[in-house]
C-alpha cells in the first residue's frame, strides 16, 4: 500500500471464511524451458510438521515483512529471512540489527534485484518448501515500481521454481482491482505470471489499508488541529487490518487448503469506515470537539495536471507526477472489493482477525507513532 502522509491520512491502506469473495482459482500444468514441470503444491506439505517446512521470506525487514517473519517463527517453521545488508526506512537497519529482529530465524543478505544474488545467497543451502514475498517498492515511483513490484519479485519466483519450491505466497494490494498507477500495473503483471506458472501453487493476498497508514492525523488532532479529508469525507472507505492480523492470515495460507491457488482480498474486523467516520471516532476517543476541514478533490486534479506538464518536459519530474496521482487515488478510492457492477462493496470485502482501528488509535494517542513511520512511502514529506 502506498500512503500519503499528513492531511491525506495515509492509504485507504481466525478467518471468517468469507475468503471466497472475488477469489480466483487457477491451476495450470505447463512445460518450461524444455523440461516437464510437476504440479508442485502446498498440499504436499500436509503430512509434514511445521519445523520440517523450510520457508524463505523476502522483504523480511519491511513493515509487513517483519510481522510475517515473526509469525512464521512463532508457528515453528524453519524460517530464513532474506534482506539487504542495509534495509528498512532510509537504510537504517544494518546486518546486526536485522539479525536481532529475528532471533528465531536464519538471516541472509543479498539483493533481490539480482537473480544471481538470490541463487547464491538466499538459496545457497538448497531449496525452500515455501517462499513468501513481502516485497514492495519503497516510493511507488515509476522505475522503483517496475524494479521491485515486478522484476525483483519475478527474480525470486524464477529461482524458487528452478529449485523446486512448492508454494509461493505474495503480498499484493487490494487497489490493483482498479489499476491506474504504475505500481498497481507492475503488481498485476507479476500476479498474472505467478498464476500462469503451473509448477508451483500460490496464494495472492490483497489487503485493504494498514493501520499505520491511517494514523497520520492522530498527533495533529491531539494538538488541537483539524481532521482533514477530501470531498464530503465519504469518497474513500476501508476495512483496515492490523499488521499482526495480516501476518496471521498470510501464515494461514501455507496450511489452509481453501486458500490454495486463490487471489484473496482481506480486511480487518467490523464495518467499513469512511474518512469522516474515522475522524469522528478519533475525536470521540480523545474526548474533543470535532473539527473538520473538507478539501475539494479538484484541488488535487489541478496539481496533477501541472505536474504532468512538467513531467512531459523534464524526466526527473515523472515520479513527482506519479506521487501526485498516488495521493489523489487514495484520497478518492475506497480500499474495498469491487463487485461485478464495478462498485466498491463493503459486504463483499472479507474480514479477519480481532484488532480494531479504535484500539490502534487509542494506543497511538497514548504511546505516539514510534514504529509507525511511513518513511519513503510518504508521498508528501
Protein backbone atom coordinates (compact mmCIF):
# COMPACT_ATOMS: atom_id res chain seq x y z
CA UNK A 1 0.00 0.00 0.00
CA UNK A 2 1.15 3.41 -0.56
CA UNK A 3 0.48 6.19 1.93
CA UNK A 4 0.09 9.94 1.63
CA UNK A 5 1.26 11.47 4.89
CA UNK A 6 -0.26 14.29 6.94
CA UNK A 7 -3.60 15.56 5.75
CA UNK A 8 -4.19 12.62 3.44
CA UNK A 9 -4.04 10.34 6.46
CA UNK A 10 -2.42 7.56 4.50
CA UNK A 11 -3.61 4.88 2.20
CA UNK A 12 -7.32 4.00 2.19
CA UNK A 13 -4.34 1.35 3.18
CA UNK A 14 -9.04 -16.69 12.66
CA UNK A 15 -10.50 -16.01 9.13
CA UNK A 16 -14.28 -15.57 8.90
CA UNK A 17 -14.01 -17.93 5.95
CA UNK A 18 -15.53 -15.42 3.64
CA UNK A 19 -12.26 -15.51 1.75
CA UNK A 20 -14.02 -16.76 -1.34
CA UNK A 21 -15.10 -13.23 -2.31
CA UNK A 22 -13.66 -12.25 -5.67
CA UNK A 23 -11.12 -15.04 -5.35
CA UNK A 24 -9.67 -16.67 -8.39
CA UNK A 25 -8.81 -20.34 -8.69
CA UNK A 26 -6.38 -21.17 -11.43
CA UNK A 27 -4.26 -24.31 -11.61
CA UNK A 28 -2.41 -24.98 -14.81
CA UNK A 29 0.11 -27.58 -15.93
CA UNK A 30 2.95 -26.38 -18.11
CA UNK A 31 6.30 -27.04 -19.71
CA UNK A 32 9.04 -24.52 -19.06
CA UNK A 33 12.48 -24.43 -20.66
CA UNK A 34 12.11 -27.85 -22.30
CA UNK A 35 11.60 -29.70 -19.02
CA UNK A 36 8.41 -31.28 -17.71
CA UNK A 37 7.01 -29.45 -14.71
CA UNK A 38 5.06 -31.10 -11.95
CA UNK A 39 2.08 -29.66 -10.08
CA UNK A 40 4.05 -28.61 -7.03
CA UNK A 41 1.67 -27.59 -4.31
CA UNK A 42 1.39 -26.62 -0.67
CA UNK A 43 -0.91 -29.65 -0.38
CA UNK A 44 2.25 -31.76 -0.43
CA UNK A 45 3.21 -30.25 2.94
CA UNK A 46 0.12 -31.59 4.73
CA UNK A 47 1.91 -34.51 6.34
CA UNK A 48 4.93 -32.51 7.47
CA UNK A 49 5.34 -30.78 10.80
CA UNK A 50 5.97 -27.05 10.77
CA UNK A 51 9.54 -27.48 11.97
CA UNK A 52 10.27 -29.55 8.87
CA UNK A 53 8.90 -26.96 6.43
CA UNK A 54 11.52 -24.54 5.14
CA UNK A 55 10.18 -21.05 4.47
CA UNK A 56 12.00 -18.13 2.83
CA UNK A 57 10.71 -14.60 3.44
CA UNK A 58 11.89 -11.86 1.07
CA UNK A 59 11.29 -8.28 2.10
CA UNK A 60 11.58 -9.53 5.66
CA UNK A 61 12.65 -6.24 7.23
CA UNK A 62 9.85 -4.28 5.57
CA UNK A 63 6.91 -3.12 7.66
CA UNK A 64 4.69 -6.13 6.98
CA UNK A 65 7.62 -8.47 6.37
CA UNK A 66 8.73 -8.15 9.99
CA UNK A 67 5.35 -9.25 11.29
CA UNK A 68 5.12 -12.12 8.81
CA UNK A 69 8.61 -13.41 9.63
CA UNK A 70 7.94 -13.34 13.36
CA UNK A 71 4.56 -15.03 12.95
CA UNK A 72 6.07 -17.85 10.91
CA UNK A 73 8.79 -18.29 13.53
CA UNK A 74 6.16 -18.35 16.29
CA UNK A 75 4.39 -21.18 14.46
CA UNK A 76 7.59 -23.20 14.44
CA UNK A 77 8.50 -23.08 10.75
CA UNK A 78 12.15 -23.30 9.68
CA UNK A 79 12.37 -19.65 8.59
CA UNK A 80 15.03 -17.80 6.62
CA UNK A 81 14.75 -14.02 6.27
CA UNK A 82 16.41 -12.54 3.17
CA UNK A 83 17.14 -8.83 3.10
CA UNK A 84 19.66 -6.18 2.11
CA UNK A 85 22.59 -5.51 4.44
CA UNK A 86 21.18 -2.02 4.86
CA UNK A 87 17.40 -2.13 4.83
CA UNK A 88 14.34 -0.53 6.38
CA UNK A 89 13.41 3.16 6.27
CA UNK A 90 16.35 5.11 4.90
CA UNK A 91 18.56 2.00 5.06
CA UNK A 92 18.89 2.41 8.84
CA UNK A 93 18.62 -1.32 9.58
CA UNK A 94 22.08 -2.88 9.28
CA UNK A 95 23.04 -6.55 9.29
CA UNK A 96 23.39 -6.69 13.06
CA UNK A 97 20.00 -5.03 13.54
CA UNK A 98 18.36 -7.42 11.09
CA UNK A 99 19.67 -10.46 12.93
CA UNK A 100 18.45 -9.02 16.22
CA UNK A 101 14.96 -8.57 14.73
CA UNK A 102 14.63 -12.29 14.09
CA UNK A 103 16.35 -14.32 16.80
CA UNK A 104 14.41 -17.44 15.79
CA UNK A 105 15.21 -17.24 12.07
CA UNK A 106 18.24 -17.54 9.86
CA UNK A 107 19.05 -14.16 8.33
CA UNK A 108 20.75 -13.95 4.95
CA UNK A 109 21.77 -10.90 2.99
CA UNK A 110 21.71 -10.13 -0.70
CA UNK A 111 19.99 -8.24 -3.50
CA UNK A 112 16.59 -9.31 -4.87
CA UNK A 113 17.37 -7.18 -7.91
CA UNK A 114 19.96 -9.78 -8.90
CA UNK A 115 18.90 -13.33 -9.76
CA UNK A 116 22.47 -14.48 -9.16
CA UNK A 117 22.42 -12.99 -5.66
CA UNK A 118 19.19 -14.82 -4.86
CA UNK A 119 20.65 -18.10 -6.15
CA UNK A 120 23.97 -17.87 -4.34
CA UNK A 121 23.00 -16.08 -1.12
CA UNK A 122 19.36 -16.95 -0.39
CA UNK A 123 19.23 -20.47 -1.87
CA UNK A 124 22.85 -21.33 -1.07
CA UNK A 125 21.83 -24.19 1.23
CA UNK A 126 19.25 -25.68 -1.11
CA UNK A 127 15.54 -25.35 -1.78
CA UNK A 128 12.70 -23.94 0.31
CA UNK A 129 9.28 -25.53 0.51
CA UNK A 130 7.54 -22.15 0.68
CA UNK A 131 8.56 -18.67 -0.43
CA UNK A 132 6.75 -15.63 0.99
CA UNK A 133 7.22 -12.30 -0.77
CA UNK A 134 6.60 -9.10 1.15
CA UNK A 135 8.49 -7.03 -1.40
CA UNK A 136 7.07 -3.61 -2.28
CA UNK A 137 8.57 -0.57 -3.95
CA UNK A 138 9.64 1.97 -1.37
CA UNK A 139 8.19 5.04 -3.07
CA UNK A 140 5.71 3.95 -5.72
CA UNK A 141 7.79 5.83 -8.28
CA UNK A 142 7.78 4.64 -11.90
CA UNK A 143 11.20 2.95 -12.04
CA UNK A 144 11.08 1.72 -8.44
CA UNK A 145 7.73 0.04 -9.04
CA UNK A 146 8.87 -1.94 -12.07
CA UNK A 147 12.22 -2.78 -10.44
CA UNK A 148 10.70 -4.15 -7.21
CA UNK A 149 7.00 -4.95 -7.62
CA UNK A 150 7.67 -6.80 -10.85
CA UNK A 151 11.31 -7.60 -11.72
CA UNK A 152 12.73 -8.32 -8.26
CA UNK A 153 9.68 -10.35 -7.26
CA UNK A 154 9.92 -12.30 -10.52
CA UNK A 155 13.61 -12.99 -9.85
CA UNK A 156 12.59 -14.63 -6.58
CA UNK A 157 9.84 -16.66 -8.25
CA UNK A 158 12.13 -17.81 -11.07
CA UNK A 159 14.74 -19.14 -8.65
CA UNK A 160 12.08 -20.71 -6.42
CA UNK A 161 10.64 -22.62 -9.39
CA UNK A 162 14.07 -23.73 -10.60
CA UNK A 163 14.86 -25.08 -7.13
CA UNK A 164 11.53 -26.90 -6.76
CA UNK A 165 9.70 -24.79 -4.18
CA UNK A 166 6.12 -25.94 -3.66
CA UNK A 167 4.21 -22.77 -2.75
CA UNK A 168 4.55 -19.00 -3.25
CA UNK A 169 2.72 -16.51 -1.03
CA UNK A 170 2.52 -12.98 -2.43
CA UNK A 171 1.64 -9.83 -0.54
CA UNK A 172 -0.16 -7.67 -3.10
CA UNK A 173 -2.74 -4.89 -2.57
CA UNK A 174 -6.50 -4.58 -2.97
CA UNK A 175 -6.13 -1.42 -5.04
CA UNK A 176 -4.87 -3.38 -8.06
CA UNK A 177 -8.54 -4.00 -8.88
CA UNK A 178 -8.60 -0.54 -10.43
CA UNK A 179 -5.11 -0.11 -11.87
CA UNK A 180 -4.25 3.44 -12.85
CA UNK A 181 -0.89 3.73 -11.07
CA UNK A 182 2.45 2.27 -12.12
CA UNK A 183 2.96 0.12 -9.03
CA UNK A 184 -0.50 -1.41 -9.49
CA UNK A 185 0.28 -2.36 -13.09
CA UNK A 186 3.62 -3.84 -12.04
CA UNK A 187 1.96 -5.92 -9.31
CA UNK A 188 -0.72 -7.18 -11.70
CA UNK A 189 1.87 -8.21 -14.29
CA UNK A 190 3.63 -10.31 -11.69
CA UNK A 191 0.36 -11.73 -10.34
CA UNK A 192 -0.54 -12.93 -13.82
CA UNK A 193 2.82 -14.65 -14.30
CA UNK A 194 2.61 -16.32 -10.90
CA UNK A 195 -0.87 -17.67 -11.67
CA UNK A 196 0.27 -18.94 -15.07
CA UNK A 197 3.39 -20.72 -13.76
CA UNK A 198 1.68 -24.08 -13.26
CA UNK A 199 4.59 -25.79 -11.48
CA UNK A 200 4.13 -24.04 -8.14
CA UNK A 201 0.97 -23.34 -6.16
CA UNK A 202 0.26 -19.82 -4.92
CA UNK A 203 -1.73 -17.59 -2.63
CA UNK A 204 -2.07 -13.92 -3.57
CA UNK A 205 -3.11 -11.77 -0.62
CA UNK A 206 -4.66 -8.35 -1.33
CA UNK A 207 -5.09 -6.47 1.97
CA UNK A 208 -7.03 -3.27 2.47
CA UNK A 209 -5.47 -0.35 4.37
CA UNK A 210 -2.90 -0.95 7.11
CA UNK A 211 -3.46 0.65 10.49
CA UNK A 212 -0.30 2.76 10.28
CA UNK A 213 -1.43 4.32 7.01
CA UNK A 214 -4.45 5.82 8.80
CA UNK A 215 -2.55 7.18 11.80
CA UNK A 216 -1.06 10.30 10.21
CA UNK A 217 -3.51 12.76 11.73
CA UNK A 218 -3.69 11.44 15.29
CA UNK A 219 -0.97 13.74 16.65
CA UNK A 220 -2.32 16.73 14.69
CA UNK A 221 -5.76 16.30 16.20
CA UNK A 222 -4.30 15.78 19.68
CA UNK A 223 -2.59 19.15 19.38
CA UNK A 224 -5.87 20.85 18.54
CA UNK A 225 -5.65 20.76 14.77
CA UNK A 226 -8.47 19.81 12.42
CA UNK A 227 -9.01 16.44 10.78
CA UNK A 228 -8.57 16.96 7.03
CA UNK A 229 -10.43 14.95 4.40
CA UNK A 230 -11.31 15.26 0.75
CA UNK A 231 -14.74 15.82 -0.71
CA UNK A 232 -17.50 15.13 1.79
CA UNK A 233 -15.40 12.57 3.67
CA UNK A 234 -17.26 9.67 2.05
CA UNK A 235 -15.04 9.26 -1.01
CA UNK A 236 -12.73 6.64 0.49
CA UNK A 237 -13.74 3.81 2.79
CA UNK A 238 -11.86 0.76 4.02
CA UNK A 239 -11.82 -2.16 6.42
CA UNK A 240 -8.35 -1.59 7.85
CA UNK A 241 -6.40 -4.61 9.04
CA UNK A 242 -3.65 -4.70 11.64
CA UNK A 243 -0.20 -5.78 10.61
CA UNK A 244 -0.33 -8.62 13.13
CA UNK A 245 -3.65 -9.97 11.83
CA UNK A 246 -2.44 -9.71 8.24
CA UNK A 247 0.68 -11.70 9.14
CA UNK A 248 -1.51 -14.42 10.67
CA UNK A 249 -3.67 -14.54 7.55
CA UNK A 250 -0.63 -14.91 5.32
CA UNK A 251 0.80 -17.62 7.55
CA UNK A 252 -2.55 -19.47 7.40
CA UNK A 253 -2.22 -19.71 3.63
CA UNK A 254 0.60 -22.23 3.92
CA UNK A 255 -1.68 -24.83 5.51
CA UNK A 256 -5.28 -23.97 4.60
CA UNK A 257 -6.48 -25.90 1.51
CA UNK A 258 -9.19 -23.35 0.72
CA UNK A 259 -6.52 -20.66 0.36
CA UNK A 260 -4.60 -22.61 -2.28
CA UNK A 261 -4.36 -21.08 -5.76
CA UNK A 262 -6.57 -18.14 -4.81
CA UNK A 263 -6.48 -14.36 -5.03
CA UNK A 264 -7.70 -13.28 -1.60
CA UNK A 265 -8.82 -9.77 -0.71
CA UNK A 266 -8.83 -9.30 3.06
CA UNK A 267 -9.76 -6.62 5.58
CA UNK A 268 -9.96 -6.32 9.33
CA UNK A 269 -12.95 -6.92 11.63
CA UNK A 270 -16.01 -4.70 11.77
CA UNK A 271 -17.77 -2.44 9.31
CA UNK A 272 -16.11 -0.42 6.58
CA UNK A 273 -15.27 3.12 7.69
CA UNK A 274 -15.10 6.31 5.65
CA UNK A 275 -12.61 9.09 6.35
CA UNK A 276 -15.40 11.03 8.09
CA UNK A 277 -16.20 8.07 10.33
CA UNK A 278 -12.53 7.57 11.16
CA UNK A 279 -12.16 11.23 12.11
CA UNK A 280 -15.34 11.21 14.17
CA UNK A 281 -14.14 8.12 16.04
CA UNK A 282 -10.80 9.79 16.76
CA UNK A 283 -12.40 12.93 18.22
CA UNK A 284 -14.71 10.80 20.38
CA UNK A 285 -11.78 8.74 21.59
CA UNK A 286 -9.84 11.87 22.53
CA UNK A 287 -12.96 13.46 24.01
CA UNK A 288 -12.52 16.52 21.81
CA UNK A 289 -14.98 18.64 19.87
CA UNK A 290 -14.92 17.54 16.20
CA UNK A 291 -13.17 19.95 13.86
CA UNK A 292 -13.03 19.01 10.19
CA UNK A 293 -11.65 20.58 7.04
CA UNK A 294 -13.09 19.23 3.80
CA UNK A 295 -10.89 19.87 0.77
CA UNK A 296 -12.38 19.66 -2.75
CA UNK A 297 -10.81 16.76 -4.63
CA UNK A 298 -10.49 19.09 -7.64
CA UNK A 299 -7.58 20.78 -5.86
CA UNK A 300 -5.53 17.65 -6.42
CA UNK A 301 -6.64 17.39 -10.05
CA UNK A 302 -5.22 20.83 -10.78
CA UNK A 303 -1.92 19.98 -9.11
CA UNK A 304 -1.64 16.71 -11.06
CA UNK A 305 -2.21 18.49 -14.39
CA UNK A 306 0.59 20.93 -13.61
CA UNK A 307 2.95 18.10 -12.62
CA UNK A 308 2.08 16.17 -15.79
CA UNK A 309 3.01 19.19 -17.91
CA UNK A 310 6.40 19.45 -16.21
CA UNK A 311 6.92 15.69 -16.49
CA UNK A 312 6.46 15.98 -20.25
CA UNK A 313 9.50 18.28 -20.42
CA UNK A 314 11.65 17.05 -17.54
CA UNK A 315 12.17 13.32 -16.98
CA UNK A 316 13.09 13.90 -13.34
CA UNK A 317 9.54 15.15 -12.76
CA UNK A 318 7.89 11.84 -13.74
CA UNK A 319 7.98 10.49 -10.21
CA UNK A 320 6.60 13.76 -8.79
CA UNK A 321 3.66 13.46 -11.18
CA UNK A 322 3.20 9.81 -10.19
CA UNK A 323 3.23 10.72 -6.49
CA UNK A 324 0.51 13.26 -7.10
CA UNK A 325 -1.61 10.59 -8.78
CA UNK A 326 -1.00 8.21 -5.87
CA UNK A 327 -2.18 10.85 -3.43
CA UNK A 328 -5.27 11.54 -5.49
CA UNK A 329 -6.05 7.83 -5.82
CA UNK A 330 -6.08 7.21 -2.09
CA UNK A 331 -7.98 10.39 -1.39
CA UNK A 332 -10.82 9.29 -3.66
CA UNK A 333 -10.84 5.49 -3.98
CA UNK A 334 -12.11 3.02 -1.41
CA UNK A 335 -9.97 0.08 -0.34
CA UNK A 336 -12.77 -2.46 -0.68
CA UNK A 337 -13.66 -5.32 -3.01
CA UNK A 338 -15.21 -4.21 -6.29
CA UNK A 339 -18.34 -6.15 -7.23
CA UNK A 340 -19.40 -7.26 -10.70
CA UNK A 341 -21.01 -3.86 -11.26
CA UNK A 342 -17.67 -2.13 -10.71
CA UNK A 343 -18.74 -0.62 -7.39
CA UNK A 344 -16.95 -0.85 -4.06
CA UNK A 345 -18.77 -3.36 -1.89
CA UNK A 346 -18.14 -3.41 1.86
CA UNK A 347 -20.28 -6.51 2.32
CA UNK A 348 -18.19 -8.41 -0.21
CA UNK A 349 -14.93 -7.47 1.49
CA UNK A 350 -13.89 -10.35 3.77
CA UNK A 351 -12.91 -9.69 7.38
CA UNK A 352 -10.27 -11.37 9.51
CA UNK A 353 -8.70 -11.02 12.93
CA UNK A 354 -9.60 -9.19 16.11
CA UNK A 355 -7.55 -5.99 16.22
CA UNK A 356 -9.64 -2.84 15.69
CA UNK A 357 -8.75 0.60 14.40
CA UNK A 358 -10.24 2.16 17.53
CA UNK A 359 -7.85 0.18 19.73
CA UNK A 360 -4.98 1.21 17.50
CA UNK A 361 -5.90 4.91 17.61
CA UNK A 362 -6.17 4.67 21.40
CA UNK A 363 -2.72 3.10 21.64
CA UNK A 364 -1.11 5.63 19.31
CA UNK A 365 -2.73 8.55 21.13
CA UNK A 366 -1.05 7.35 24.35
CA UNK A 367 2.24 5.95 23.09
CA UNK A 368 2.95 8.03 19.98
CA UNK A 369 3.82 6.97 16.45
CA UNK A 370 7.20 5.35 17.13
CA UNK A 371 7.49 2.33 14.86
CA UNK A 372 4.65 3.56 12.63
CA UNK A 373 6.74 5.85 10.40
CA UNK A 374 5.76 5.97 6.74
CA UNK A 375 9.30 6.65 5.55
CA UNK A 376 9.82 6.54 1.79
CA UNK A 377 6.18 5.60 1.27
CA UNK A 378 5.12 9.05 2.42
CA UNK A 379 4.36 10.97 -0.74
CA UNK A 380 4.37 14.41 0.85
CA UNK A 381 7.23 14.95 3.30
